[in-house]
Amino acid sequence: MNSDDHPLKVLETEIELMERHTRILKHIIENSPIGITKISENMSIPPHKVRYSLRVLEKEKLITATAHGAVASERVEKFLPELKDFLSRLSTTIKKIEKDIDQLCAGDVACKK
């Protein structure tokens, strides 16, 4: 199995993408209308990565492209609470997994230091 295909690496990559998309969305909300070049310069993110994030955000109908740059859509007001709720549930699940691992390690069932 390629290390890039490892489930933990895939999950980490997806979380990093979500963070970037969310940071860019925040920047658009605070600075719209704004274009790719300005986002890239302001946030120190390569233009090709900004472009990809903008495509994802536009596909999800969270932003709209205008002649003057990207602007947040009305859907953001519904999306942000949904995302926050999802992340809260995910955090709870992660804490449960951590607790299970701690219990396994306390019994030294599968932990090798």
C-alpha atoms as a PDB file:
ATOM      1  CA  MET A   1       0.000   0.000   0.000  1.00  0.00           C
ATOM      2  CA  ASN A   2       1.346   3.394  -0.998  1.00  0.00           C
ATOM      3  CA  SER A   3       1.819   5.675   2.044  1.00  0.00           C
ATOM      4  CA  ASP A   4      -0.420   8.274   0.335  1.00  0.00           C
ATOM      5  CA  ASP A   5      -3.182   5.638   0.201  1.00  0.00           C
ATOM      6  CA  HIS A   6      -2.996   4.889   3.921  1.00  0.00           C
ATOM      7  CA  PRO A   7      -6.408   5.639   5.470  1.00  0.00           C
ATOM      8  CA  LEU A   8      -4.916   7.961   8.089  1.00  0.00           C
ATOM      9  CA  LYS A   9      -3.035   9.946   5.421  1.00  0.00           C
ATOM     10  CA  VAL A  10      -6.189  10.215   3.296  1.00  0.00           C
ATOM     11  CA  LEU A  11      -8.150  11.474   6.314  1.00  0.00           C
ATOM     12  CA  GLU A  12      -5.422  13.982   7.198  1.00  0.00           C
ATOM     13  CA  THR A  13      -5.377  15.293   3.618  1.00  0.00           C
ATOM     14  CA  GLU A  14      -9.155  15.716   3.567  1.00  0.00           C
ATOM     15  CA  ILE A  15      -9.119  17.582   6.882  1.00  0.00           C
ATOM     16  CA  GLU A  16      -6.361  19.883   5.617  1.00  0.00           C
ATOM     17  CA  LEU A  17      -8.428  20.586   2.484  1.00  0.00           C
ATOM     18  CA  MET A  18     -11.509  21.355   4.577  1.00  0.00           C
ATOM     19  CA  GLU A  19      -9.454  23.732   6.694  1.00  0.00           C
ATOM     20  CA  ARG A  20      -8.144  25.531   3.604  1.00  0.00           C
ATOM     21  CA  HIS A  21     -11.607  25.784   2.042  1.00  0.00           C
ATOM     22  CA  THR A  22     -12.991  27.150   5.316  1.00  0.00           C
ATOM     23  CA  ARG A  23     -10.163  29.690   5.709  1.00  0.00           C
ATOM     24  CA  ILE A  24     -10.665  30.875   2.125  1.00  0.00           C
ATOM     25  CA  LEU A  25     -14.439  31.102   2.632  1.00  0.00           C
ATOM     26  CA  LYS A  26     -13.828  33.206   5.767  1.00  0.00           C
ATOM     27  CA  HIS A  27     -11.481  35.452   3.808  1.00  0.00           C
ATOM     28  CA  ILE A  28     -14.075  35.888   1.055  1.00  0.00           C
ATOM     29  CA  ILE A  29     -16.774  36.755   3.592  1.00  0.00           C
ATOM     30  CA  GLU A  30     -14.514  39.366   5.181  1.00  0.00           C
ATOM     31  CA  ASN A  31     -13.087  40.831   1.935  1.00  0.00           C
ATOM     32  CA  SER A  32     -15.534  40.270  -0.912  1.00  0.00           C
ATOM     33  CA  PRO A  33     -15.565  40.749  -3.728  1.00  0.00           C
ATOM     34  CA  ILE A  34     -12.061  39.302  -4.038  1.00  0.00           C
ATOM     35  CA  GLY A  35     -10.173  37.489  -6.787  1.00  0.00           C
ATOM     36  CA  ILE A  36      -7.781  34.563  -6.895  1.00  0.00           C
ATOM     37  CA  THR A  37      -4.621  36.664  -7.022  1.00  0.00           C
ATOM     38  CA  LYS A  38      -5.560  38.800  -4.024  1.00  0.00           C
ATOM     39  CA  ILE A  39      -6.621  35.749  -1.970  1.00  0.00           C
ATOM     40  CA  SER A  40      -3.349  34.048  -2.871  1.00  0.00           C
ATOM     41  CA  GLU A  41      -1.280  37.081  -1.895  1.00  0.00           C
ATOM     42  CA  ASN A  42      -3.202  37.825   1.317  1.00  0.00           C
ATOM     43  CA  MET A  43      -3.204  34.241   2.540  1.00  0.00           C
ATOM     44  CA  SER A  44       0.137  33.010   1.140  1.00  0.00           C
ATOM     45  CA  ILE A  45      -1.572  30.131  -0.641  1.00  0.00           C
ATOM     46  CA  PRO A  46      -0.470  29.214  -4.180  1.00  0.00           C
ATOM     47  CA  PRO A  47      -2.950  30.386  -6.854  1.00  0.00           C
ATOM     48  CA  HIS A  48      -3.652  26.844  -8.098  1.00  0.00           C
ATOM     49  CA  LYS A  49      -4.743  25.812  -4.596  1.00  0.00           C
ATOM     50  CA  VAL A  50      -6.915  28.915  -4.241  1.00  0.00           C
ATOM     51  CA  ARG A  51      -8.471  28.172  -7.639  1.00  0.00           C
ATOM     52  CA  TYR A  52      -9.257  24.591  -6.566  1.00  0.00           C
ATOM     53  CA  SER A  53     -10.819  25.742  -3.291  1.00  0.00           C
ATOM     54  CA  LEU A  54     -12.915  28.338  -5.116  1.00  0.00           C
ATOM     55  CA  ARG A  55     -14.182  25.635  -7.487  1.00  0.00           C
ATOM     56  CA  VAL A  56     -15.169  23.452  -4.534  1.00  0.00           C
ATOM     57  CA  LEU A  57     -16.873  26.346  -2.733  1.00  0.00           C
ATOM     58  CA  GLU A  58     -18.702  27.350  -5.910  1.00  0.00           C
ATOM     59  CA  LYS A  59     -19.810  23.766  -6.563  1.00  0.00           C
ATOM     60  CA  GLU A  60     -21.243  23.677  -3.037  1.00  0.00           C
ATOM     61  CA  LYS A  61     -22.999  26.993  -3.791  1.00  0.00           C
ATOM     62  CA  LEU A  62     -21.185  28.740  -0.935  1.00  0.00           C
ATOM     63  CA  ILE A  63     -19.706  31.427  -3.188  1.00  0.00           C
ATOM     64  CA  THR A  64     -20.606  33.089  -6.447  1.00  0.00           C
ATOM     65  CA  ALA A  65     -18.130  34.308  -9.054  1.00  0.00           C
ATOM     66  CA  THR A  66     -18.720  37.897 -10.161  1.00  0.00           C
ATOM     67  CA  ALA A  67     -16.841  40.208 -12.510  1.00  0.00           C
ATOM     68  CA  HIS A  68     -15.189  41.771  -9.455  1.00  0.00           C
ATOM     69  CA  GLY A  69     -14.309  38.511  -7.695  1.00  0.00           C
ATOM     70  CA  ALA A  70     -15.815  35.881  -5.422  1.00  0.00           C
ATOM     71  CA  VAL A  71     -18.614  36.734  -3.008  1.00  0.00           C
ATOM     72  CA  ALA A  72     -20.259  34.580  -0.355  1.00  0.00           C
ATOM     73  CA  SER A  73     -23.735  33.285  -1.128  1.00  0.00           C
ATOM     74  CA  GLU A  74     -26.784  33.256   1.130  1.00  0.00           C
ATOM     75  CA  ARG A  75     -26.270  29.520   1.617  1.00  0.00           C
ATOM     76  CA  VAL A  76     -23.299  30.275   3.919  1.00  0.00           C
ATOM     77  CA  GLU A  77     -25.692  31.275   6.717  1.00  0.00           C
ATOM     78  CA  LYS A  78     -27.139  27.761   6.740  1.00  0.00           C
ATOM     79  CA  PHE A  79     -23.875  25.947   5.997  1.00  0.00           C
ATOM     80  CA  LEU A  80     -21.708  27.352   8.805  1.00  0.00           C
ATOM     81  CA  PRO A  81     -23.949  26.117  11.665  1.00  0.00           C
ATOM     82  CA  GLU A  82     -24.221  22.736   9.900  1.00  0.00           C
ATOM     83  CA  LEU A  83     -20.431  22.540   9.612  1.00  0.00           C
ATOM     84  CA  LYS A  84     -19.978  23.535  13.249  1.00  0.00           C
ATOM     85  CA  ASP A  85     -22.454  20.856  14.357  1.00  0.00           C
ATOM     86  CA  PHE A  86     -20.740  18.249  12.189  1.00  0.00           C
ATOM     87  CA  LEU A  87     -17.316  19.152  13.598  1.00  0.00           C
ATOM     88  CA  SER A  88     -18.681  18.962  17.140  1.00  0.00           C
ATOM     89  CA  ARG A  89     -20.014  15.446  16.503  1.00  0.00           C
ATOM     90  CA  LEU A  90     -16.725  14.480  14.872  1.00  0.00           C
ATOM     91  CA  SER A  91     -14.812  15.803  17.871  1.00  0.00           C
ATOM     92  CA  THR A  92     -16.976  13.690  20.205  1.00  0.00           C
ATOM     93  CA  THR A  93     -16.291  10.602  18.105  1.00  0.00           C
ATOM     94  CA  ILE A  94     -12.553  11.298  18.079  1.00  0.00           C
ATOM     95  CA  LYS A  95     -12.560  11.637  21.879  1.00  0.00           C
ATOM     96  CA  LYS A  96     -14.299   8.240  22.167  1.00  0.00           C
ATOM     97  CA  ILE A  97     -11.680   6.669  19.903  1.00  0.00           C
ATOM     98  CA  GLU A  98      -8.887   8.256  21.965  1.00  0.00           C
ATOM     99  CA  LYS A  99     -10.459   6.884  25.162  1.00  0.00           C
ATOM    100  CA  ASP A 100     -10.638   3.385  23.663  1.00  0.00           C
ATOM    101  CA  ILE A 101      -6.986   3.595  22.618  1.00  0.00           C
ATOM    102  CA  ASP A 102      -5.979   4.857  26.075  1.00  0.00           C
ATOM    103  CA  GLN A 103      -7.760   1.882  27.641  1.00  0.00           C
ATOM    104  CA  LEU A 104      -6.019  -0.527  25.285  1.00  0.00           C
ATOM    105  CA  CYS A 105      -2.651   1.041  26.017  1.00  0.00           C
ATOM    106  CA  ALA A 106      -3.239   1.034  29.779  1.00  0.00           C
ATOM    107  CA  GLY A 107      -3.582  -2.732  29.559  1.00  0.00           C
ATOM    108  CA  ASP A 108      -0.661  -2.842  27.132  1.00  0.00           C
ATOM    109  CA  VAL A 109      -2.852  -4.993  24.876  1.00  0.00           C
ATOM    110  CA  ALA A 110      -1.535  -3.579  21.632  1.00  0.00           C
ATOM    111  CA  CYS A 111       0.693  -0.621  22.508  1.00  0.00           C
ATOM    112  CA  LYS A 112       4.382  -0.772  21.933  1.00  0.00           C
ATOM    113  CA  LYS A 113       6.332   2.335  22.830  1.00  0.00           C
END
